[in-house]
C-alpha atoms as a PDB file:
ATOM      1  CA  MET A   1      -0.250   0.002  -0.320  1.00  0.00           C
ATOM      2  CA  LEU A   2       2.874   2.084   0.751  1.00  0.00           C
ATOM      3  CA  ARG A   3       4.507   1.289  -2.145  1.00  0.00           C
ATOM      4  CA  SER A   4       1.199   2.121  -4.792  1.00  0.00           C
ATOM      5  CA  LYS A   5       1.095   5.716  -2.631  1.00  0.00           C
ATOM      6  CA  VAL A   6       5.059   6.345  -2.856  1.00  0.00           C
ATOM      7  CA  PHE A   7       4.190   6.041  -6.795  1.00  0.00           C
ATOM      8  CA  ALA A   8       1.501   8.263  -6.779  1.00  0.00           C
ATOM      9  CA  LEU A   9       3.565  11.226  -5.205  1.00  0.00           C
ATOM     10  CA  CYS A  10       6.018  10.285  -8.314  1.00  0.00           C
ATOM     11  CA  LEU A  11       3.302  10.944 -10.916  1.00  0.00           C
ATOM     12  CA  ILE A  12       2.198  14.127  -9.104  1.00  0.00           C
ATOM     13  CA  LEU A  13       5.213  15.665  -7.787  1.00  0.00           C
ATOM     14  CA  PRO A  14       6.824  16.028 -11.514  1.00  0.00           C
ATOM     15  CA  LEU A  15       3.255  17.389 -12.638  1.00  0.00           C
ATOM     16  CA  LEU A  16       4.415  20.469  -9.903  1.00  0.00           C
ATOM     17  CA  GLY A  17       7.632  21.082 -11.475  1.00  0.00           C
ATOM     18  CA  GLY A  18       6.704  22.020 -15.109  1.00  0.00           C
ATOM     19  CA  GLU A  19       6.162  25.017 -16.878  1.00  0.00           C
ATOM     20  CA  PRO A  20       3.673  27.512 -16.154  1.00  0.00           C
ATOM     21  CA  SER A  21       0.647  28.139 -17.672  1.00  0.00           C
ATOM     22  CA  ALA A  22      -1.846  30.708 -17.855  1.00  0.00           C
ATOM     23  CA  PHE A  23      -3.894  29.230 -15.199  1.00  0.00           C
ATOM     24  CA  GLU A  24      -0.739  29.238 -13.064  1.00  0.00           C
ATOM     25  CA  SER A  25      -0.111  32.573 -13.616  1.00  0.00           C
ATOM     26  CA  GLN A  26      -3.427  33.755 -12.680  1.00  0.00           C
ATOM     27  CA  SER A  27      -3.937  31.631  -9.248  1.00  0.00           C
ATOM     28  CA  GLY A  28      -0.273  32.474  -7.870  1.00  0.00           C
ATOM     29  CA  ALA A  29      -0.594  29.282  -5.718  1.00  0.00           C
ATOM     30  CA  THR A  30       0.882  26.717  -7.993  1.00  0.00           C
ATOM     31  CA  LYS A  31       4.785  26.870  -8.016  1.00  0.00           C
ATOM     32  CA  LYS A  32       4.219  26.993  -4.011  1.00  0.00           C
ATOM     33  CA  ASP A  33       2.322  23.923  -3.945  1.00  0.00           C
ATOM     34  CA  ILE A  34       4.892  22.353  -6.270  1.00  0.00           C
ATOM     35  CA  LYS A  35       7.670  23.528  -4.583  1.00  0.00           C
ATOM     36  CA  ASN A  36       6.743  22.082  -1.172  1.00  0.00           C
ATOM     37  CA  LEU A  37       5.834  18.542  -2.373  1.00  0.00           C
ATOM     38  CA  LYS A  38       9.558  18.887  -4.027  1.00  0.00           C
ATOM     39  CA  ASP A  39      10.640  19.363  -0.443  1.00  0.00           C
ATOM     40  CA  ALA A  40       8.775  16.770   0.725  1.00  0.00           C
ATOM     41  CA  SER A  41      10.561  14.582  -1.667  1.00  0.00           C
ATOM     42  CA  LEU A  42      14.081  16.035  -0.819  1.00  0.00           C
ATOM     43  CA  ASN A  43      13.215  15.288   2.869  1.00  0.00           C
ATOM     44  CA  LEU A  44      12.133  11.604   1.869  1.00  0.00           C
ATOM     45  CA  SER A  45      15.738  11.863   0.380  1.00  0.00           C
ATOM     46  CA  SER A  46      17.090  13.088   3.693  1.00  0.00           C
ATOM     47  CA  LEU A  47      15.368  10.477   5.823  1.00  0.00           C
ATOM     48  CA  VAL A  48      16.541   7.674   3.595  1.00  0.00           C
ATOM     49  CA  VAL A  49      20.329   9.011   3.769  1.00  0.00           C
ATOM     50  CA  ASP A  50      19.611   9.372   7.661  1.00  0.00           C
ATOM     51  CA  LEU A  51      18.372   5.680   8.208  1.00  0.00           C
ATOM     52  CA  GLN A  52      21.213   4.761   6.094  1.00  0.00           C
ATOM     53  CA  GLY A  53      23.637   6.219   8.034  1.00  0.00           C
ATOM     54  CA  ARG A  54      22.380   4.728  11.534  1.00  0.00           C
ATOM     55  CA  LEU A  55      22.295   1.471   9.888  1.00  0.00           C
ATOM     56  CA  GLU A  56      26.014   1.324   9.289  1.00  0.00           C
ATOM     57  CA  ALA A  57      26.542   2.687  13.017  1.00  0.00           C
ATOM     58  CA  LEU A  58      24.658  -0.607  13.597  1.00  0.00           C
ATOM     59  CA  GLU A  59      26.704  -2.619  11.583  1.00  0.00           C
ATOM     60  CA  GLN A  60      29.801  -1.420  13.237  1.00  0.00           C
ATOM     61  CA  MET A  61      28.470  -2.188  16.570  1.00  0.00           C
ATOM     62  CA  GLN A  62      27.886  -5.324  15.051  1.00  0.00           C
ATOM     63  CA  TYR A  63      30.996  -5.959  13.407  1.00  0.00           C
ATOM     64  CA  GLY A  64      32.561  -5.029  17.295  1.00  0.00           C
ATOM     65  CA  ILE A  65      30.202  -7.834  18.690  1.00  0.00           C
ATOM     66  CA  GLN A  66      31.300 -10.257  16.080  1.00  0.00           C
ATOM     67  CA  SER A  67      35.184  -9.555  16.948  1.00  0.00           C
ATOM     68  CA  LEU A  68      34.161  -9.679  20.512  1.00  0.00           C
ATOM     69  CA  TYR A  69      32.845 -13.611  20.064  1.00  0.00           C
ATOM     70  CA  ASP A  70      35.860 -14.481  17.903  1.00  0.00           C
ATOM     71  CA  ALA A  71      38.359 -12.752  20.756  1.00  0.00           C
ATOM     72  CA  GLN A  72      36.506 -15.415  23.179  1.00  0.00           C
ATOM     73  CA  GLY A  73      36.590 -18.675  20.644  1.00  0.00           C
ATOM     74  CA  GLN A  74      35.073 -21.664  22.121  1.00  0.00           C
ATOM     75  CA  LYS A  75      34.413 -20.167  25.713  1.00  0.00           C
ATOM     76  CA  VAL A  76      31.439 -18.412  24.590  1.00  0.00           C
ATOM     77  CA  GLN A  77      30.256 -20.445  21.449  1.00  0.00           C
ATOM     78  CA  LYS A  78      26.870 -20.203  23.220  1.00  0.00           C
ATOM     79  CA  LEU A  79      26.509 -16.465  22.312  1.00  0.00           C
ATOM     80  CA  SER A  80      27.133 -16.841  18.701  1.00  0.00           C
ATOM     81  CA  GLU A  81      23.373 -18.059  18.574  1.00  0.00           C
ATOM     82  CA  GLU A  82      22.456 -14.877  20.285  1.00  0.00           C
ATOM     83  CA  LEU A  83      24.465 -12.945  17.479  1.00  0.00           C
ATOM     84  CA  GLU A  84      23.507 -14.828  14.378  1.00  0.00           C
ATOM     85  CA  ALA A  85      19.971 -13.554  15.587  1.00  0.00           C
ATOM     86  CA  GLN A  86      21.183  -9.892  15.727  1.00  0.00           C
ATOM     87  CA  ASN A  87      22.698 -10.431  12.254  1.00  0.00           C
ATOM     88  CA  ILE A  88      19.349 -11.651  10.766  1.00  0.00           C
ATOM     89  CA  PHE A  89      17.523  -8.786  12.201  1.00  0.00           C
ATOM     90  CA  MET A  90      20.212  -6.383  10.552  1.00  0.00           C
ATOM     91  CA  GLN A  91      19.424  -8.400   7.227  1.00  0.00           C
ATOM     92  CA  GLU A  92      15.894  -7.977   7.629  1.00  0.00           C
ATOM     93  CA  THR A  93      16.490  -4.164   8.493  1.00  0.00           C
ATOM     94  CA  ARG A  94      18.387  -3.412   5.500  1.00  0.00           C
ATOM     95  CA  ALA A  95      16.097  -5.223   3.094  1.00  0.00           C
ATOM     96  CA  ARG A  96      13.440  -2.614   4.491  1.00  0.00           C
ATOM     97  CA  LEU A  97      15.721  -0.182   3.914  1.00  0.00           C
ATOM     98  CA  GLU A  98      16.626  -1.403   0.454  1.00  0.00           C
ATOM     99  CA  VAL A  99      12.798  -1.573  -0.484  1.00  0.00           C
ATOM    100  CA  LEU A 100      12.821   2.143   0.696  1.00  0.00           C
ATOM    101  CA  LYS A 101      15.874   2.946  -1.385  1.00  0.00           C
ATOM    102  CA  ASP A 102      14.305   1.093  -4.368  1.00  0.00           C
ATOM    103  CA  GLN A 103      10.845   3.459  -4.073  1.00  0.00           C
ATOM    104  CA  PHE A 104      12.726   6.391  -4.077  1.00  0.00           C
ATOM    105  CA  GLU A 105      14.791   5.879  -6.867  1.00  0.00           C
ATOM    106  CA  GLN A 106      11.918   5.196  -9.190  1.00  0.00           C
ATOM    107  CA  LEU A 107      10.214   8.268  -8.282  1.00  0.00           C
ATOM    108  CA  ARG A 108      13.452   9.886  -9.231  1.00  0.00           C
ATOM    109  CA  LEU A 109      13.547   7.864 -12.725  1.00  0.00           C
ATOM    110  CA  THR A 110       9.844   8.635 -13.667  1.00  0.00           C
ATOM    111  CA  GLN A 111      10.163  12.214 -12.623  1.00  0.00           C
ATOM    112  CA  ALA A 112      11.272  13.745 -15.955  1.00  0.00           C
ATOM    113  CA  GLN A 113       8.502  11.526 -18.069  1.00  0.00           C
ATOM    114  CA  ASN A 114       5.602  12.557 -15.539  1.00  0.00           C
ATOM    115  CA  GLU A 115       6.410  16.015 -15.573  1.00  0.00           C
ATOM    116  CA  GLU A 116       5.855  15.865 -19.980  1.00  0.00           C
ATOM    117  CA  ASN A 117       3.141  14.116 -19.263  1.00  0.00           C
ATOM    118  CA  TYR A 118       1.638  16.960 -16.741  1.00  0.00           C
ATOM    119  CA  ARG A 119       2.022  19.623 -19.220  1.00  0.00           C
ATOM    120  CA  SER A 120       0.724  18.024 -21.538  1.00  0.00           C
ATOM    121  CA  ALA A 121      -2.515  17.079 -19.396  1.00  0.00           C
ATOM    122  CA  MET A 122      -2.548  20.915 -18.108  1.00  0.00           C
ATOM    123  CA  LYS A 123      -3.795  21.739 -21.729  1.00  0.00           C
ATOM    124  CA  SER A 124      -7.054  19.670 -21.644  1.00  0.00           C
ATOM    125  CA  LEU A 125      -7.979  19.941 -18.184  1.00  0.00           C
ATOM    126  CA  ASP A 126     -10.883  22.675 -16.883  1.00  0.00           C
ATOM    127  CA  GLY A 127     -11.253  23.579 -13.330  1.00  0.00           C
ATOM    128  CA  LEU A 128      -7.079  23.689 -12.655  1.00  0.00           C
ATOM    129  CA  GLY A 129      -7.624  25.402  -8.961  1.00  0.00           C
ATOM    130  CA  GLU A 130      -9.701  22.625  -7.722  1.00  0.00           C
ATOM    131  CA  LYS A 131      -7.462  19.740  -9.503  1.00  0.00           C
ATOM    132  CA  ILE A 132      -4.081  21.489  -7.966  1.00  0.00           C
ATOM    133  CA  LYS A 133      -6.243  21.445  -4.743  1.00  0.00           C
ATOM    134  CA  GLU A 134      -6.994  17.558  -4.852  1.00  0.00           C
ATOM    135  CA  VAL A 135      -3.531  17.446  -5.837  1.00  0.00           C
ATOM    136  CA  SER A 136      -1.902  18.846  -2.796  1.00  0.00           C
ATOM    137  CA  GLN A 137      -4.631  17.272  -0.254  1.00  0.00           C
ATOM    138  CA  VAL A 138      -3.397  13.856  -1.732  1.00  0.00           C
ATOM    139  CA  GLY A 139       0.254  14.979  -1.736  1.00  0.00           C
ATOM    140  CA  SER A 140      -0.149  15.746   1.778  1.00  0.00           C
ATOM    141  CA  ALA A 141      -1.670  12.734   3.167  1.00  0.00           C
ATOM    142  CA  LEU A 142       0.451  10.601   1.121  1.00  0.00           C
ATOM    143  CA  ASN A 143       3.763  12.091   2.857  1.00  0.00           C
ATOM    144  CA  ASP A 144       1.813  11.936   6.399  1.00  0.00           C
ATOM    145  CA  LEU A 145       1.534   8.632   5.768  1.00  0.00           C
ATOM    146  CA  VAL A 146       5.821   8.308   4.654  1.00  0.00           C
ATOM    147  CA  LEU A 147       6.592  10.417   7.361  1.00  0.00           C
ATOM    148  CA  LYS A 148       4.496   7.859   9.868  1.00  0.00           C
ATOM    149  CA  GLU A 149       6.333   4.760   7.710  1.00  0.00           C
ATOM    150  CA  PHE A 150       9.938   6.037   8.348  1.00  0.00           C
ATOM    151  CA  GLU A 151       9.075   6.971  12.204  1.00  0.00           C
ATOM    152  CA  SER A 152       7.786   3.393  12.673  1.00  0.00           C
ATOM    153  CA  VAL A 153      11.528   2.454  11.158  1.00  0.00           C
ATOM    154  CA  ARG A 154      13.237   4.577  13.114  1.00  0.00           C
ATOM    155  CA  ALA A 155      11.625   3.448  16.525  1.00  0.00           C
ATOM    156  CA  GLU A 156      12.300  -0.066  15.790  1.00  0.00           C
ATOM    157  CA  PHE A 157      16.015   1.093  15.028  1.00  0.00           C
ATOM    158  CA  ALA A 158      15.862   2.219  18.514  1.00  0.00           C
ATOM    159  CA  LYS A 159      14.811  -0.780  19.787  1.00  0.00           C
ATOM    160  CA  GLN A 160      16.978  -3.139  18.121  1.00  0.00           C
ATOM    161  CA  ALA A 161      19.559  -1.073  19.352  1.00  0.00           C
ATOM    162  CA  ASP A 162      19.168  -1.297  23.233  1.00  0.00           C
ATOM    163  CA  VAL A 163      18.581  -4.700  22.439  1.00  0.00           C
ATOM    164  CA  ILE A 164      22.254  -5.076  21.335  1.00  0.00           C
ATOM    165  CA  ALA A 165      23.658  -2.435  23.891  1.00  0.00           C
ATOM    166  CA  LYS A 166      22.051  -4.888  26.600  1.00  0.00           C
ATOM    167  CA  ASP A 167      23.355  -8.038  24.680  1.00  0.00           C
ATOM    168  CA  GLN A 168      27.020  -6.490  24.777  1.00  0.00           C
ATOM    169  CA  GLU A 169      26.982  -5.623  28.788  1.00  0.00           C
ATOM    170  CA  ASN A 170      25.986  -9.054  28.826  1.00  0.00           C
ATOM    171  CA  ILE A 171      29.023 -10.585  26.534  1.00  0.00           C
ATOM    172  CA  GLN A 172      31.109  -8.055  28.820  1.00  0.00           C
ATOM    173  CA  LYS A 173      30.086  -9.596  31.929  1.00  0.00           C
ATOM    174  CA  LEU A 174      30.160 -13.278  30.563  1.00  0.00           C
ATOM    175  CA  SER A 175      34.030 -11.861  29.173  1.00  0.00           C
ATOM    176  CA  LEU A 176      34.985 -11.112  32.938  1.00  0.00           C
ATOM    177  CA  GLU A 177      33.309 -13.890  34.505  1.00  0.00           C
ATOM    178  CA  ILE A 178      35.629 -16.201  31.649  1.00  0.00           C
ATOM    179  CA  GLU A 179      38.323 -14.160  32.459  1.00  0.00           C
ATOM    180  CA  LYS A 180      38.248 -15.103  36.007  1.00  0.00           C
ATOM    181  CA  ILE A 181      37.998 -18.525  35.498  1.00  0.00           C
ATOM    182  CA  TYR A 182      40.822 -18.453  33.199  1.00  0.00           C
ATOM    183  CA  GLU A 183      43.069 -16.362  35.943  1.00  0.00           C
ATOM    184  CA  GLU A 184      41.678 -19.301  37.928  1.00  0.00           C
ATOM    185  CA  LYS A 185      42.974 -22.202  36.250  1.00  0.00           C
ATOM    186  CA  LYS A 186      46.187 -19.869  35.142  1.00  0.00           C
ATOM    187  CA  LYS A 187      46.752 -19.864  39.175  1.00  0.00           C
ATOM    188  CA  ILE A 188      46.345 -23.595  39.923  1.00  0.00           C
ATOM    189  CA  ALA A 189      48.571 -24.548  36.357  1.00  0.00           C
ATOM    190  CA  GLU A 190      51.038 -22.417  37.772  1.00  0.00           C
ATOM    191  CA  ARG A 191      50.793 -24.599  41.500  1.00  0.00           C
ATOM    192  CA  ASN A 192      51.051 -27.458  39.947  1.00  0.00           C
ATOM    193  CA  ALA A 193      54.034 -26.384  37.949  1.00  0.00           C
ATOM    194  CA  PHE A 194      56.432 -28.201  40.372  1.00  0.00           C
ATOM    195  CA  LYS A 195      55.498 -31.274  39.632  1.00  0.00           C
ATOM    196  CA  ASN A 196      58.695 -33.073  37.740  1.00  0.00           C
ATOM    197  CA  PRO A 197      59.170 -36.672  39.279  1.00  0.00           C
ATOM    198  CA  GLN A 198      63.219 -35.860  37.917  1.00  0.00           C
ATOM    199  CA  LYS A 199      63.295 -32.880  41.017  1.00  0.00           C
ATOM    200  CA  LYS A 200      61.375 -34.425  43.903  1.00  0.00           C
ATOM    201  CA  LEU A 201      64.265 -33.736  46.326  1.00  0.00           C
ATOM    202  CA  ASP A 202      63.899 -30.147  44.908  1.00  0.00           C
ATOM    203  CA  VAL A 203      60.215 -30.145  45.690  1.00  0.00           C
ATOM    204  CA  PHE A 204      60.581 -31.775  49.247  1.00  0.00           C
ATOM    205  CA  LYS A 205      63.118 -29.086  50.575  1.00  0.00           C
ATOM    206  CA  GLU A 206      60.529 -26.222  49.009  1.00  0.00           C
ATOM    207  CA  ALA A 207      57.476 -27.623  50.724  1.00  0.00           C
ATOM    208  CA  LYS A 208      59.649 -27.791  53.664  1.00  0.00           C
ATOM    209  CA  SER A 209      60.565 -24.260  53.457  1.00  0.00           C
ATOM    210  CA  MET A 210      56.913 -23.189  52.642  1.00  0.00           C
ATOM    211  CA  TYR A 211      55.993 -25.086  55.851  1.00  0.00           C
ATOM    212  CA  TRP A 212      57.974 -23.620  57.870  1.00  0.00           C
ATOM    213  CA  GLY A 213      57.411 -20.085  56.074  1.00  0.00           C
ATOM    214  CA  LYS A 214      53.620 -20.633  57.396  1.00  0.00           C
ATOM    215  CA  ASN A 215      52.485 -21.260  53.325  1.00  0.00           C
ATOM    216  CA  PHE A 216      50.417 -24.120  54.356  1.00  0.00           C
ATOM    217  CA  ASP A 217      48.450 -24.500  51.447  1.00  0.00           C
ATOM    218  CA  ASP A 218      51.316 -24.504  49.017  1.00  0.00           C
ATOM    219  CA  ALA A 219      53.184 -26.663  51.108  1.00  0.00           C
ATOM    220  CA  ARG A 220      50.232 -29.323  51.824  1.00  0.00           C
ATOM    221  CA  ILE A 221      50.076 -29.301  47.572  1.00  0.00           C
ATOM    222  CA  ARG A 222      53.788 -30.383  47.164  1.00  0.00           C
ATOM    223  CA  PHE A 223      54.224 -33.079  50.110  1.00  0.00           C
ATOM    224  CA  ALA A 224      50.523 -35.031  49.149  1.00  0.00           C
ATOM    225  CA  TRP A 225      52.373 -34.959  45.951  1.00  0.00           C
ATOM    226  CA  LEU A 226      55.365 -36.387  46.994  1.00  0.00           C
ATOM    227  CA  LEU A 227      53.639 -38.693  49.013  1.00  0.00           C
ATOM    228  CA  GLU A 228      51.897 -39.985  45.549  1.00  0.00           C
ATOM    229  CA  GLN A 229      55.185 -40.725  44.222  1.00  0.00           C
ATOM    230  CA  GLY A 230      56.765 -42.792  47.535  1.00  0.00           C
ATOM    231  CA  TYR A 231      59.093 -39.897  48.187  1.00  0.00           C
ATOM    232  CA  GLU A 232      59.990 -39.745  51.619  1.00  0.00           C
ATOM    233  CA  LYS A 233      56.451 -41.064  52.782  1.00  0.00           C
ATOM    234  CA  ALA A 234      56.957 -41.041  56.472  1.00  0.00           C
ATOM    235  CA  GLU A 235      58.436 -37.289  56.677  1.00  0.00           C
ATOM    236  CA  SER A 236      55.701 -36.039  53.835  1.00  0.00           C
ATOM    237  CA  SER A 237      52.944 -37.674  56.120  1.00  0.00           C
ATOM    238  CA  PHE A 238      53.985 -35.959  59.039  1.00  0.00           C
ATOM    239  CA  PHE A 239      54.611 -32.360  57.444  1.00  0.00           C
ATOM    240  CA  LEU A 240      50.784 -33.482  56.353  1.00  0.00           C
ATOM    241  CA  GLY A 241      49.537 -33.829  59.588  1.00  0.00           C
ATOM    242  CA  GLN A 242      50.932 -31.053  60.637  1.00  0.00           C
ATOM    243  CA  ILE A 243      49.634 -28.816  58.013  1.00  0.00           C
ATOM    244  CA  ALA A 244      46.405 -30.315  59.232  1.00  0.00           C
ATOM    245  CA  PHE A 245      46.883 -29.862  62.836  1.00  0.00           C
ATOM    246  CA  ARG A 246      47.772 -25.931  62.019  1.00  0.00           C
ATOM    247  CA  GLN A 247      44.500 -26.190  60.175  1.00  0.00           C
ATOM    248  CA  ARG A 248      42.685 -27.330  62.759  1.00  0.00           C
ATOM    249  CA  ARG A 249      41.534 -30.571  60.760  1.00  0.00           C
ATOM    250  CA  TYR A 250      42.115 -32.925  63.710  1.00  0.00           C
ATOM    251  CA  ASN A 251      40.873 -36.060  62.180  1.00  0.00           C
ATOM    252  CA  ASP A 252      43.077 -35.540  58.983  1.00  0.00           C
ATOM    253  CA  ALA A 253      46.231 -34.862  61.754  1.00  0.00           C
ATOM    254  CA  ILE A 254      45.489 -38.196  63.436  1.00  0.00           C
ATOM    255  CA  VAL A 255      45.572 -40.250  59.553  1.00  0.00           C
ATOM    256  CA  TYR A 256      48.410 -38.684  58.893  1.00  0.00           C
ATOM    257  CA  PHE A 257      50.111 -38.871  62.322  1.00  0.00           C
ATOM    258  CA  LYS A 258      49.644 -42.317  62.882  1.00  0.00           C
ATOM    259  CA  GLN A 259      50.616 -43.339  59.018  1.00  0.00           C
ATOM    260  CA  SER A 260      53.620 -41.576  59.678  1.00  0.00           C
ATOM    261  CA  ALA A 261      54.301 -43.420  62.904  1.00  0.00           C
ATOM    262  CA  VAL A 262      53.517 -46.678  61.303  1.00  0.00           C
ATOM    263  CA  LEU A 263      56.241 -46.230  58.774  1.00  0.00           C
ATOM    264  CA  ASN A 264      58.860 -44.550  60.471  1.00  0.00           C
ATOM    265  CA  ASP A 265      58.053 -44.670  64.955  1.00  0.00           C
ATOM    266  CA  LYS A 266      62.384 -43.675  65.092  1.00  0.00           C
ATOM    267  CA  ALA A 267      62.286 -40.627  63.599  1.00  0.00           C
ATOM    268  CA  SER A 268      63.903 -37.677  65.411  1.00  0.00           C
ATOM    269  CA  TYR A 269      59.979 -35.713  65.026  1.00  0.00           C
ATOM    270  CA  MET A 270      58.006 -38.672  67.213  1.00  0.00           C
ATOM    271  CA  PRO A 271      58.142 -36.492  70.351  1.00  0.00           C
ATOM    272  CA  VAL A 272      56.151 -33.506  68.299  1.00  0.00           C
ATOM    273  CA  LEU A 273      54.179 -36.072  66.506  1.00  0.00           C
ATOM    274  CA  LEU A 274      52.518 -37.942  69.695  1.00  0.00           C
ATOM    275  CA  LEU A 275      52.160 -34.758  71.393  1.00  0.00           C
ATOM    276  CA  HIS A 276      50.125 -33.283  68.307  1.00  0.00           C
ATOM    277  CA  THR A 277      48.036 -36.523  68.604  1.00  0.00           C
ATOM    278  CA  ILE A 278      47.399 -35.868  72.294  1.00  0.00           C
ATOM    279  CA  LYS A 279      46.018 -32.459  71.546  1.00  0.00           C
ATOM    280  CA  SER A 280      44.108 -33.310  68.592  1.00  0.00           C
ATOM    281  CA  PHE A 281      42.594 -36.595  70.373  1.00  0.00           C
ATOM    282  CA  GLN A 282      41.822 -33.468  73.252  1.00  0.00           C
ATOM    283  CA  ALA A 283      40.399 -30.932  70.320  1.00  0.00           C
ATOM    284  CA  LEU A 284      37.868 -34.275  69.456  1.00  0.00           C
ATOM    285  CA  ASN A 285      36.945 -34.224  73.184  1.00  0.00           C
ATOM    286  CA  ASP A 286      38.294 -37.876  73.052  1.00  0.00           C
ATOM    287  CA  ASN A 287      40.319 -38.001  76.370  1.00  0.00           C
ATOM    288  CA  LYS A 288      40.776 -41.705  76.956  1.00  0.00           C
ATOM    289  CA  SER A 289      43.120 -41.886  73.455  1.00  0.00           C
ATOM    290  CA  ALA A 290      44.629 -38.596  74.437  1.00  0.00           C
ATOM    291  CA  LEU A 291      45.673 -40.394  77.818  1.00  0.00           C
ATOM    292  CA  THR A 292      46.880 -43.598  75.834  1.00  0.00           C
ATOM    293  CA  PHE A 293      49.216 -41.485  73.639  1.00  0.00           C
ATOM    294  CA  ALA A 294      50.333 -38.942  76.563  1.00  0.00           C
ATOM    295  CA  GLN A 295      51.462 -41.912  78.558  1.00  0.00           C
ATOM    296  CA  SER A 296      53.542 -43.330  75.109  1.00  0.00           C
ATOM    297  CA  LEU A 297      55.056 -40.293  75.175  1.00  0.00           C
ATOM    298  CA  ILE A 298      55.973 -39.999  78.731  1.00  0.00           C
ATOM    299  CA  ALA A 299      57.434 -43.475  78.409  1.00  0.00           C
ATOM    300  CA  TYR A 300      59.408 -43.783  75.021  1.00  0.00           C
ATOM    301  CA  TYR A 301      60.838 -39.993  75.452  1.00  0.00           C
ATOM    302  CA  PRO A 302      60.503 -39.119  78.962  1.00  0.00           C
ATOM    303  CA  LYS A 303      63.451 -36.308  78.580  1.00  0.00           C
ATOM    304  CA  SER A 304      61.856 -34.772  75.908  1.00  0.00           C
ATOM    305  CA  LYS A 305      60.320 -30.945  76.247  1.00  0.00           C
ATOM    306  CA  GLU A 306      57.079 -32.701  74.952  1.00  0.00           C
ATOM    307  CA  ALA A 307      57.395 -35.264  77.470  1.00  0.00           C
ATOM    308  CA  ALA A 308      56.813 -32.245  80.084  1.00  0.00           C
ATOM    309  CA  GLN A 309      53.874 -31.573  78.326  1.00  0.00           C
ATOM    310  CA  ALA A 310      52.167 -34.730  78.007  1.00  0.00           C
ATOM    311  CA  ARG A 311      52.898 -35.038  82.074  1.00  0.00           C
ATOM    312  CA  ALA A 312      50.637 -31.999  82.486  1.00  0.00           C
ATOM    313  CA  ILE A 313      48.007 -33.106  80.171  1.00  0.00           C
ATOM    314  CA  GLU A 314      47.876 -36.295  81.575  1.00  0.00           C
ATOM    315  CA  LYS A 315      47.676 -34.616  85.150  1.00  0.00           C
ATOM    316  CA  LYS A 316      44.628 -32.347  83.806  1.00  0.00           C
ATOM    317  CA  ILE A 317      42.947 -35.333  82.355  1.00  0.00           C
ATOM    318  CA  LYS A 318      43.275 -37.654  85.171  1.00  0.00           C
ATOM    319  CA  GLY A 319      42.436 -34.565  87.746  1.00  0.00           C
ATOM    320  CA  GLU A 320      38.755 -33.806  85.593  1.00  0.00           C
ATOM    321  CA  LYS A 321      38.385 -37.625  86.081  1.00  0.00           C
ATOM    322  CA  SER A 322      38.699 -37.567  89.713  1.00  0.00           C
ATOM    323  CA  ASP A 323      36.311 -34.752  90.132  1.00  0.00           C
ATOM    324  CA  ALA A 324      33.737 -36.008  87.566  1.00  0.00           C
ATOM    325  CA  LYS A 325      33.749 -39.673  90.212  1.00  0.00           C
ATOM    326  CA  SER A 326      33.549 -37.086  93.099  1.00  0.00           C
END
């Protein structure tokens, strides 16, 4: 329907741009009306150019989004479907604009012929004033319809621009999340970079250094790996127990201490191992087991400073039992 009205305008505009007749000279209004219609035609051209520029801006924004998708690669594969939907919309919008451009081009190309037809028709028409008035009214109505259609297209562009902006914001948020995941994986990879079976001794020394520097998490990772590799199993188990004890994971500490003692019950660190086993049982409210290990520590290492602490613990536990009986 819009195309037929635009075509009608194409027929009308050339008529208004012809040579003035005797009637035209008398009325004094024909040139002005024709000029107004020509200005309307120029306005249509400006609107088409404006829409073309907006489309190009949207396309540039689309290219920016596409580039961001490509940079993320497979990590944002799901977003490609959304980008494809936007691309389809841009193509449909471009097609609509091309239809409008074609209609305007048809109007321009046929204007010269219509002007000639108009000059011929004016020679045989009566009531030129009424005819011009009717043409003016039709042209005005057609112009209003065309303007409304362009406003509709402009509103649709604005809506889609908002959608694209929101999508771009979501993409940026997702990009930040992906960067966080990447950084986290990078940190994990860096933390596991030490795993070299040819350098177990270096890893063992590094793990102990980290433990004494209270870098318990990194030290734990290394001792656990060494234990898996079967390297210095007794001492690695001891340090894993120490780390668990420092981090208040008392059940884990007891398990590692027991494993270390089974592997090597003559190690120099046995008094410390037994003392921390006692304290772990106390933290778990298992005074019976704590008392048993305290007595073992006193019996096997009576002159150690750990034995002195074991005696105090033994005395406290027995005193609590005595108070409970009384």
